[in-house]
Protein backbone atom coordinates (compact mmCIF):
# COMPACT_ATOMS: atom_id res chain seq x y z
CA MET A 1 99.15 88.76 136.06
CA THR A 2 101.53 85.83 136.14
CA THR A 3 102.70 84.76 139.59
CA SER A 4 104.27 81.63 141.00
CA PRO A 5 103.89 80.14 144.46
CA THR A 6 107.18 78.25 144.15
CA PRO A 7 109.80 79.83 146.42
CA ILE A 8 113.51 80.10 145.79
CA ASP A 9 114.07 79.71 149.51
CA ASP A 10 112.03 79.90 152.69
CA LYS A 11 111.80 83.69 152.63
CA GLN A 12 111.46 84.92 149.07
CA PRO A 13 109.17 83.75 146.21
CA ARG A 14 110.69 83.00 142.83
CA ASN A 15 109.12 86.05 141.18
CA ALA A 16 110.07 88.51 143.94
CA ALA A 17 112.19 90.50 141.46
CA ASN A 18 109.06 91.22 139.41
CA TRP A 19 107.42 93.13 142.28
CA ALA A 20 108.10 96.59 143.61
CA GLN A 21 109.72 96.38 147.02
CA GLN A 22 107.64 97.20 150.10
CA SER A 23 109.77 100.29 150.73
CA THR A 24 108.34 101.88 147.55
CA ARG A 25 104.92 102.32 149.16
CA THR A 26 105.95 105.94 149.76
CA LEU A 27 106.85 107.36 146.36
CA ARG A 28 110.09 109.22 145.69
CA VAL A 29 110.96 111.39 142.70
CA ASP A 30 114.47 112.75 143.18
CA ASN A 31 115.25 113.66 139.57
CA ALA A 32 112.26 114.68 137.48
CA PRO A 33 112.65 114.23 133.70
CA SER A 34 113.15 117.39 131.68
CA GLY A 35 109.88 119.03 130.64
CA SER A 36 107.79 117.38 133.35
CA LEU A 37 105.89 119.00 136.20
CA ASN A 38 106.86 117.16 139.38
CA LEU A 39 103.84 117.73 141.60
CA ASN A 40 101.62 115.53 143.82
CA VAL A 41 103.89 112.47 143.67
CA HIS A 42 106.97 112.72 145.91
CA GLY A 43 106.12 111.58 149.43
CA ARG A 44 102.64 110.31 148.52
CA GLN A 45 101.40 106.83 149.43
CA ILE A 46 100.19 104.38 146.78
CA THR A 47 96.49 103.52 147.02
CA SER A 48 94.44 100.42 146.26
CA PRO A 49 90.72 100.34 145.37
CA LEU A 50 90.01 99.61 149.04
CA GLN A 51 91.25 103.10 149.86
CA GLY A 52 89.12 104.96 147.34
CA PHE A 53 85.82 106.78 147.85
CA GLY A 54 83.60 105.99 144.87
CA GLN A 55 81.96 102.98 143.32
CA MET A 56 84.40 100.20 142.42
CA TRP A 57 84.67 99.41 138.72
CA GLN A 58 86.52 96.77 136.76
CA LYS A 59 86.97 97.81 133.14
CA THR A 60 88.65 95.56 130.59
CA TYR A 61 89.76 97.05 127.27
CA ARG A 62 90.88 94.56 124.61
CA ILE A 63 91.90 94.56 120.97
CA ALA A 64 92.56 91.65 118.58
CA LEU A 65 95.81 91.89 116.63
CA GLN A 66 94.31 90.30 113.52
CA GLY A 67 96.45 89.62 110.49
CA VAL A 68 99.88 89.63 112.17
CA GLN A 69 101.93 86.86 113.73
CA VAL A 70 103.23 88.26 116.99
CA GLU A 71 103.90 86.56 120.30
CA PRO A 72 102.34 87.99 123.49
CA THR A 73 105.80 88.46 125.01
CA THR A 74 106.79 90.55 121.99
CA VAL A 75 103.68 92.70 122.40
CA ILE A 76 104.56 93.35 126.05
CA THR A 77 108.18 94.16 125.22
CA ILE A 78 107.10 96.68 122.59
CA TRP A 79 104.46 98.13 124.92
CA LYS A 80 107.00 98.66 127.70
CA GLU A 81 109.63 100.19 125.44
CA ASN A 82 107.24 102.60 123.72
CA PHE A 83 104.65 103.14 126.45
CA PRO A 84 104.38 106.98 126.25
CA GLN A 85 104.18 106.88 122.46
CA PHE A 86 100.70 105.32 122.45
CA TRP A 87 99.07 107.89 124.75
CA PRO A 88 96.89 110.77 123.49
CA ALA A 89 98.79 113.95 122.64
CA HIS A 90 97.43 115.92 125.61
CA SER A 91 98.64 113.30 128.12
CA ARG A 92 102.34 112.80 128.84
CA PHE A 93 104.05 109.91 130.62
CA PHE A 94 107.52 110.67 131.97
CA GLY A 95 109.22 107.41 132.86
CA LEU A 96 112.86 106.61 133.48
CA LEU A 97 115.31 105.73 130.74
CA THR A 98 115.35 102.14 131.99
CA GLY A 99 111.70 101.76 130.90
CA ILE A 100 108.90 99.91 132.69
CA ALA A 101 110.49 98.07 135.61
CA PRO A 102 109.27 97.12 139.11
CA GLY A 103 109.52 99.92 141.65
CA GLU A 104 109.93 102.73 139.13
CA VAL A 105 107.91 105.91 139.58
CA ALA A 106 106.69 107.80 136.51
CA LEU A 107 105.24 111.31 136.38
CA LEU A 108 102.00 111.98 134.51
CA ASN A 109 101.07 115.41 133.16
CA LEU A 110 97.46 115.12 131.99
CA SER A 111 94.64 117.27 130.72
CA VAL A 112 91.31 116.32 132.30
CA GLY A 113 88.27 118.14 130.99
CA GLY A 114 90.62 120.81 129.64
CA LEU A 115 92.24 121.32 133.06
CA PRO A 116 95.85 120.38 133.90
CA LEU A 117 96.56 117.56 136.32
CA SER A 118 99.98 116.51 137.58
CA THR A 119 100.21 113.07 139.16
CA GLY A 120 102.13 109.83 138.75
CA VAL A 121 102.15 106.03 138.96
CA LEU A 122 104.25 103.28 140.50
CA VAL A 123 105.25 100.21 138.48
CA LEU A 124 103.95 97.62 140.93
CA TYR A 125 104.74 94.51 138.86
CA ALA A 126 106.41 93.69 135.57
CA ASP A 127 107.40 90.47 133.80
CA GLU A 128 107.52 89.19 130.21
CA GLU A 129 103.75 88.70 130.00
CA SER A 130 102.27 91.70 131.85
CA PHE A 131 102.91 94.81 133.92
CA THR A 132 100.84 96.68 136.48
CA LEU A 133 100.75 100.36 137.44
CA MET A 134 99.40 101.59 140.79
CA THR A 135 98.16 105.09 141.58
CA PRO A 136 99.16 107.46 144.43
CA GLN A 137 97.07 109.57 146.78
CA GLY A 138 95.34 112.37 144.90
CA HIS A 139 95.11 110.54 141.58
CA ILE A 140 91.73 110.50 139.79
CA PHE A 141 91.17 106.98 141.05
CA ALA A 142 92.62 104.67 143.66
CA GLY A 143 93.55 101.40 142.01
CA TRP A 144 95.73 99.70 139.47
CA ILE A 145 95.96 99.04 135.75
CA THR A 146 97.27 95.74 134.41
CA PHE A 147 98.54 95.51 130.83
CA SER A 148 98.78 92.06 129.31
CA SER A 149 98.79 90.08 126.08
CA PHE A 150 97.59 86.56 125.33
CA THR A 151 96.64 84.26 122.47
CA ASP A 152 93.18 82.78 121.85
CA ASP A 153 92.29 80.70 118.76
CA ASP A 154 95.59 81.66 117.12
CA VAL A 155 94.85 85.39 117.53
CA THR A 156 96.98 87.54 119.80
CA TYR A 157 95.20 90.13 121.96
CA ALA A 158 96.43 93.20 123.83
CA GLN A 159 94.53 94.14 126.97
CA ALA A 160 94.37 96.85 129.65
CA GLN A 161 92.34 96.07 132.77
CA VAL A 162 91.54 98.75 135.33
CA LEU A 163 90.28 98.09 138.86
CA MET A 164 89.42 101.42 140.45
CA ARG A 165 87.42 103.65 142.75
CA ALA A 166 87.27 107.43 142.38
CA SER A 167 89.65 108.76 145.01
CA ASP A 168 87.32 111.36 146.51
CA PRO A 169 83.83 112.92 146.12
CA ILE A 170 85.03 115.50 143.56
CA TYR A 171 86.48 112.83 141.29
CA GLU A 172 83.43 110.59 141.76
CA MET A 173 81.17 113.38 140.53
CA GLY A 174 83.49 114.00 137.60
CA LEU A 175 83.53 110.33 136.60
CA ARG A 176 79.75 110.13 136.73
CA PHE A 177 79.31 113.22 134.58
CA GLY A 178 81.49 112.40 131.60
CA GLY A 179 84.71 111.24 133.20
CA GLN A 180 84.06 107.55 132.62
CA LYS A 181 83.63 108.17 128.88
CA GLN A 182 86.87 110.18 128.80
CA GLU A 183 88.65 107.32 130.56
CA ASP A 184 87.28 104.89 127.97
CA LYS A 185 88.42 107.09 125.08
CA PHE A 186 91.89 107.27 126.60
CA TRP A 187 92.34 103.49 126.53
CA TYR A 188 90.60 103.11 123.14
CA HIS A 189 93.25 105.46 121.78
CA THR A 190 96.13 103.69 123.53
CA LEU A 191 95.23 100.16 122.43
CA SER A 192 94.42 101.13 118.84
CA HIS A 193 97.73 102.99 118.50
CA LEU A 194 99.61 100.01 119.93
CA ALA A 195 97.93 97.81 117.31
CA GLN A 196 98.75 100.28 114.54
CA TYR A 197 102.39 100.28 115.64
CA LEU A 198 102.29 96.49 115.16
CA LYS A 199 100.99 97.04 111.58
CA VAL A 200 97.40 96.05 112.36
CA GLU A 201 94.77 98.02 110.46
CA VAL A 202 92.38 99.07 113.23
CA THR A 203 90.59 102.10 114.62
CA GLU A 204 89.45 102.96 118.15
CA LYS A 205 86.11 101.30 117.33
CA ASP A 206 87.87 97.93 117.23
CA VAL A 207 88.64 98.10 120.96
CA THR A 208 86.12 96.16 123.05
CA LEU A 209 85.11 97.12 126.58
CA GLU A 210 83.72 95.00 129.40
CA SER A 211 82.65 97.21 132.31
CA ILE A 212 81.51 95.76 135.65
CA CYS A 213 80.45 97.68 138.74
CA VAL A 214 82.00 95.50 141.44
CA ASP A 215 80.71 97.57 144.37
CA LYS A 216 78.03 100.29 144.12
CA LYS A 217 78.60 101.62 147.64
CA LEU A 218 80.43 104.86 148.40
CA GLN A 219 83.08 104.71 151.11
CA TRP A 220 82.30 107.85 153.07
CA SER A 221 85.15 107.12 155.48
CA GLU A 222 87.50 107.92 152.57
CA ALA A 223 85.92 111.29 151.69
CA ARG A 224 88.87 112.94 153.41
CA ASN A 225 90.99 111.94 150.41
CA VAL A 226 89.85 115.22 148.87
CA TRP A 227 92.70 116.87 150.81
CA HIS A 228 95.17 115.21 148.39
CA ASN A 229 93.15 115.94 145.22
CA SER A 230 95.83 116.41 142.55
CA ALA A 231 93.54 118.31 140.17
CA VAL A 232 92.79 120.95 142.81
CA ARG A 233 96.42 121.16 143.90
CA THR A 234 97.65 121.43 140.29
CA MET A 235 95.20 124.26 139.61
CA ILE A 236 96.31 126.12 142.74
CA TYR A 237 99.94 125.65 141.67
CA LYS A 238 99.22 127.05 138.20
CA VAL A 239 97.21 130.02 139.50
CA THR A 240 99.88 130.98 142.04
CA THR A 241 102.79 130.71 139.58
CA PRO A 242 103.08 134.53 139.13
CA VAL A 243 103.38 134.90 142.91
CA ARG A 244 106.36 132.53 142.96
CA TRP A 245 108.07 134.54 140.22
CA PHE A 246 108.35 137.51 142.58
CA ARG A 247 109.15 135.54 145.73
CA PRO A 248 112.60 136.47 147.10
CA LYS A 249 115.13 133.75 146.42
CA ALA A 250 116.85 132.13 149.38
CA LYS A 251 120.41 133.30 149.84
């Protein structure tokens, strides 16, 4: 992520406009996009890996854009403007019409292991070279994802780097028993489809992965995060939908 220590004045750094404001720590979704399920986002706090329960992982997914001449800034612009288009069909990203911009909150309607999950992300940082999304309470993991592009030996690369801990014991168990592989497949799909959009002939097998367990310890003090588990809350919401149909409407 590109940052600069050079301030404009004594109070504000030069790249302050690229960061979400501190007031966005509590997420707000006042107008949900049409077709989205607005659940487990409004009023939630954003969470860093320090606030998660499980082992901490850093996973770097990368693909070489061989055979095309494209600047990293162009890759990022295209990625921002078409972000939902590169996701798997069963996962939907509902952002604002203004696109990926600092402080924006997007809703995510996912399918995890065949089960629905409604959650969201905050755009923590965005500039011409990268952008970072941060997760709220109840998400599968506590952490952030940084999307970037760079050039090495005249080849441009697109990259997604995740720093995460499973949010609670339920998610940690899920990640250990197949969830990590599902997470990998998700980003293999995303990066390969971005490359294909840029007219690069690739498949998901062309995406490389570097996976590092940064901290093997479990943070038992954070086990209480299970109260916010978005998968459980989404399932309860779905199961109780018929009950809400017959609930008397407020006059």
